[in-house]
Amino acid sequence: MRMNSRLREASQRDVLNWFEKNVVELTRYQKERLRDDETFRWGPLFFYYLKDEEPTTFMWRLTYPFFMVYLIALWIMRPVLFLCTGRWMYPQWFLNKIHYPWCRKLNLDL
């Protein structure tokens, strides 16, 4: 799962609560088996839910034009980065401290 993804992995308790609430065909015995056998914990399935989006304030919306210039500059600087470091990808500290928070504030999934 990407670092800036809008999906979060659901815990076993969240999945069990959702099943008990939304799948009405489950009998009491089946619900007990799901809880006791830890089917969702050790099973091959992964469950995700959408994170809540942050509200975008007016000040952050004013940065949209600068964000486009920033993205173009990132794209243009990639060959220079490769010549200097030998890598095409920007460092993780840069992505975690600058790029992903700015994208999150603008509700962009880049």
C-alpha atoms as a PDB file:
ATOM      1  CA  MET A   1       0.000   0.000   0.000  1.00  0.00           C
ATOM      2  CA  ARG A   2       1.383   3.376  -0.959  1.00  0.00           C
ATOM      3  CA  MET A   3       2.312   5.844   1.745  1.00  0.00           C
ATOM      4  CA  ASN A   4      -0.218   8.478   0.715  1.00  0.00           C
ATOM      5  CA  SER A   5      -3.064   6.157  -0.127  1.00  0.00           C
ATOM      6  CA  ARG A   6      -6.565   7.027   1.048  1.00  0.00           C
ATOM      7  CA  LEU A   7      -7.089   3.448   2.236  1.00  0.00           C
ATOM      8  CA  ARG A   8      -6.320   2.131   5.691  1.00  0.00           C
ATOM      9  CA  GLU A   9      -6.207  -1.506   6.684  1.00  0.00           C
ATOM     10  CA  ALA A  10      -9.108  -2.419   8.933  1.00  0.00           C
ATOM     11  CA  SER A  11      -8.431  -4.194  12.198  1.00  0.00           C
ATOM     12  CA  GLN A  12      -9.833  -7.633  12.920  1.00  0.00           C
ATOM     13  CA  ARG A  13     -12.297  -6.150  15.385  1.00  0.00           C
ATOM     14  CA  ASP A  14     -13.580  -3.648  12.793  1.00  0.00           C
ATOM     15  CA  VAL A  15     -14.130  -6.423  10.241  1.00  0.00           C
ATOM     16  CA  LEU A  16     -15.935  -8.648  12.735  1.00  0.00           C
ATOM     17  CA  ASN A  17     -18.169  -5.788  13.892  1.00  0.00           C
ATOM     18  CA  TRP A  18     -19.002  -4.936  10.291  1.00  0.00           C
ATOM     19  CA  PHE A  19     -19.894  -8.557   9.507  1.00  0.00           C
ATOM     20  CA  GLU A  20     -22.107  -8.870  12.566  1.00  0.00           C
ATOM     21  CA  LYS A  21     -23.912  -5.651  11.776  1.00  0.00           C
ATOM     22  CA  ASN A  22     -24.312  -5.920   7.990  1.00  0.00           C
ATOM     23  CA  VAL A  23     -24.516  -9.645   7.224  1.00  0.00           C
ATOM     24  CA  VAL A  24     -27.857 -10.508   8.787  1.00  0.00           C
ATOM     25  CA  GLU A  25     -27.849 -14.092   7.517  1.00  0.00           C
ATOM     26  CA  LEU A  26     -25.173 -15.104  10.033  1.00  0.00           C
ATOM     27  CA  THR A  27     -26.439 -17.240  12.855  1.00  0.00           C
ATOM     28  CA  ARG A  28     -25.259 -16.823  16.416  1.00  0.00           C
ATOM     29  CA  TYR A  29     -23.128 -19.962  16.064  1.00  0.00           C
ATOM     30  CA  GLN A  30     -21.435 -18.594  12.909  1.00  0.00           C
ATOM     31  CA  LYS A  31     -20.682 -15.294  14.633  1.00  0.00           C
ATOM     32  CA  GLU A  32     -19.107 -17.139  17.566  1.00  0.00           C
ATOM     33  CA  ARG A  33     -17.004 -19.223  15.167  1.00  0.00           C
ATOM     34  CA  LEU A  34     -15.758 -16.104  13.381  1.00  0.00           C
ATOM     35  CA  ARG A  35     -14.679 -14.612  16.705  1.00  0.00           C
ATOM     36  CA  ASP A  36     -13.206 -17.807  18.207  1.00  0.00           C
ATOM     37  CA  ASP A  37     -11.341 -19.143  15.165  1.00  0.00           C
ATOM     38  CA  GLU A  38      -9.781 -15.776  14.278  1.00  0.00           C
ATOM     39  CA  THR A  39     -10.705 -16.402  10.663  1.00  0.00           C
ATOM     40  CA  PHE A  40     -10.041 -12.836   9.573  1.00  0.00           C
ATOM     41  CA  ARG A  41      -6.773 -12.578  11.419  1.00  0.00           C
ATOM     42  CA  TRP A  42      -5.111 -15.616   9.861  1.00  0.00           C
ATOM     43  CA  GLY A  43      -7.060 -15.763   6.599  1.00  0.00           C
ATOM     44  CA  PRO A  44      -5.636 -14.692   3.232  1.00  0.00           C
ATOM     45  CA  LEU A  45      -8.011 -11.714   2.933  1.00  0.00           C
ATOM     46  CA  PHE A  46      -7.233  -8.073   3.687  1.00  0.00           C
ATOM     47  CA  PHE A  47      -9.933  -5.515   4.387  1.00  0.00           C
ATOM     48  CA  TYR A  48      -9.543  -1.778   3.906  1.00  0.00           C
ATOM     49  CA  TYR A  49     -11.646   1.298   4.543  1.00  0.00           C
ATOM     50  CA  LEU A  50     -11.450   4.867   3.271  1.00  0.00           C
ATOM     51  CA  LYS A  51      -9.778   7.426   5.486  1.00  0.00           C
ATOM     52  CA  ASP A  52     -11.619  10.620   6.295  1.00  0.00           C
ATOM     53  CA  GLU A  53     -10.593  13.429   4.003  1.00  0.00           C
ATOM     54  CA  GLU A  54      -9.136  16.561   5.499  1.00  0.00           C
ATOM     55  CA  PRO A  55     -11.081  19.736   4.780  1.00  0.00           C
ATOM     56  CA  THR A  56      -9.274  21.976   2.305  1.00  0.00           C
ATOM     57  CA  THR A  57      -9.111  25.542   3.535  1.00  0.00           C
ATOM     58  CA  PHE A  58      -9.125  28.574   1.282  1.00  0.00           C
ATOM     59  CA  MET A  59      -5.421  29.255   1.933  1.00  0.00           C
ATOM     60  CA  TRP A  60      -4.470  25.775   0.738  1.00  0.00           C
ATOM     61  CA  ARG A  61      -6.634  26.181  -2.367  1.00  0.00           C
ATOM     62  CA  LEU A  62      -4.578  29.235  -3.288  1.00  0.00           C
ATOM     63  CA  THR A  63      -1.555  26.944  -3.651  1.00  0.00           C
ATOM     64  CA  TYR A  64      -3.025  24.937  -6.558  1.00  0.00           C
ATOM     65  CA  PRO A  65      -1.216  26.989  -9.264  1.00  0.00           C
ATOM     66  CA  PHE A  66       2.078  26.699  -7.358  1.00  0.00           C
ATOM     67  CA  PHE A  67       1.489  22.974  -6.949  1.00  0.00           C
ATOM     68  CA  MET A  68       1.256  22.549 -10.731  1.00  0.00           C
ATOM     69  CA  VAL A  69       4.519  24.446 -11.199  1.00  0.00           C
ATOM     70  CA  TYR A  70       6.034  22.299  -8.427  1.00  0.00           C
ATOM     71  CA  LEU A  71       4.964  19.073 -10.199  1.00  0.00           C
ATOM     72  CA  ILE A  72       6.400  20.235 -13.519  1.00  0.00           C
ATOM     73  CA  ALA A  73       9.646  21.184 -11.774  1.00  0.00           C
ATOM     74  CA  LEU A  74       9.815  17.756 -10.124  1.00  0.00           C
ATOM     75  CA  TRP A  75       9.352  16.080 -13.488  1.00  0.00           C
ATOM     76  CA  ILE A  76      11.973  18.250 -15.223  1.00  0.00           C
ATOM     77  CA  MET A  77      14.503  17.780 -12.416  1.00  0.00           C
ATOM     78  CA  ARG A  78      14.349  13.976 -12.519  1.00  0.00           C
ATOM     79  CA  PRO A  79      17.171  13.590 -15.092  1.00  0.00           C
ATOM     80  CA  VAL A  80      19.333  15.981 -13.051  1.00  0.00           C
ATOM     81  CA  LEU A  81      18.592  13.953  -9.929  1.00  0.00           C
ATOM     82  CA  PHE A  82      19.550  10.776 -11.774  1.00  0.00           C
ATOM     83  CA  LEU A  83      22.842  12.269 -12.974  1.00  0.00           C
ATOM     84  CA  CYS A  84      23.705  13.429  -9.441  1.00  0.00           C
ATOM     85  CA  THR A  85      22.566  10.454  -7.366  1.00  0.00           C
ATOM     86  CA  GLY A  86      22.014   7.554  -9.792  1.00  0.00           C
ATOM     87  CA  ARG A  87      18.368   7.195  -8.705  1.00  0.00           C
ATOM     88  CA  TRP A  88      15.188   8.233 -10.451  1.00  0.00           C
ATOM     89  CA  MET A  89      13.132   8.441  -7.270  1.00  0.00           C
ATOM     90  CA  TYR A  90      13.220  11.362  -4.866  1.00  0.00           C
ATOM     91  CA  PRO A  91      14.364  10.549  -1.316  1.00  0.00           C
ATOM     92  CA  GLN A  92      11.785   9.237   1.133  1.00  0.00           C
ATOM     93  CA  TRP A  93      12.327  12.073   3.615  1.00  0.00           C
ATOM     94  CA  PHE A  94      11.412  14.585   0.893  1.00  0.00           C
ATOM     95  CA  LEU A  95       8.258  12.686  -0.028  1.00  0.00           C
ATOM     96  CA  ASN A  96       7.173  12.205   3.602  1.00  0.00           C
ATOM     97  CA  LYS A  97       7.880  15.757   4.792  1.00  0.00           C
ATOM     98  CA  ILE A  98       6.950  17.863   1.749  1.00  0.00           C
ATOM     99  CA  HIS A  99       5.193  16.076  -1.099  1.00  0.00           C
ATOM    100  CA  TYR A 100       2.684  13.783   0.678  1.00  0.00           C
ATOM    101  CA  PRO A 101       1.497  16.341   3.273  1.00  0.00           C
ATOM    102  CA  TRP A 102       0.912  18.949   0.556  1.00  0.00           C
ATOM    103  CA  CYS A 103      -1.015  16.406  -1.556  1.00  0.00           C
ATOM    104  CA  ARG A 104      -3.054  15.402   1.492  1.00  0.00           C
ATOM    105  CA  LYS A 105      -3.945  19.019   2.258  1.00  0.00           C
ATOM    106  CA  LEU A 106      -5.149  19.498  -1.321  1.00  0.00           C
ATOM    107  CA  ASN A 107      -7.024  16.158  -1.266  1.00  0.00           C
ATOM    108  CA  LEU A 108      -4.951  14.852  -4.172  1.00  0.00           C
ATOM    109  CA  ASP A 109      -3.868  11.237  -4.443  1.00  0.00           C
ATOM    110  CA  LEU A 110      -0.522  11.617  -6.251  1.00  0.00           C
END
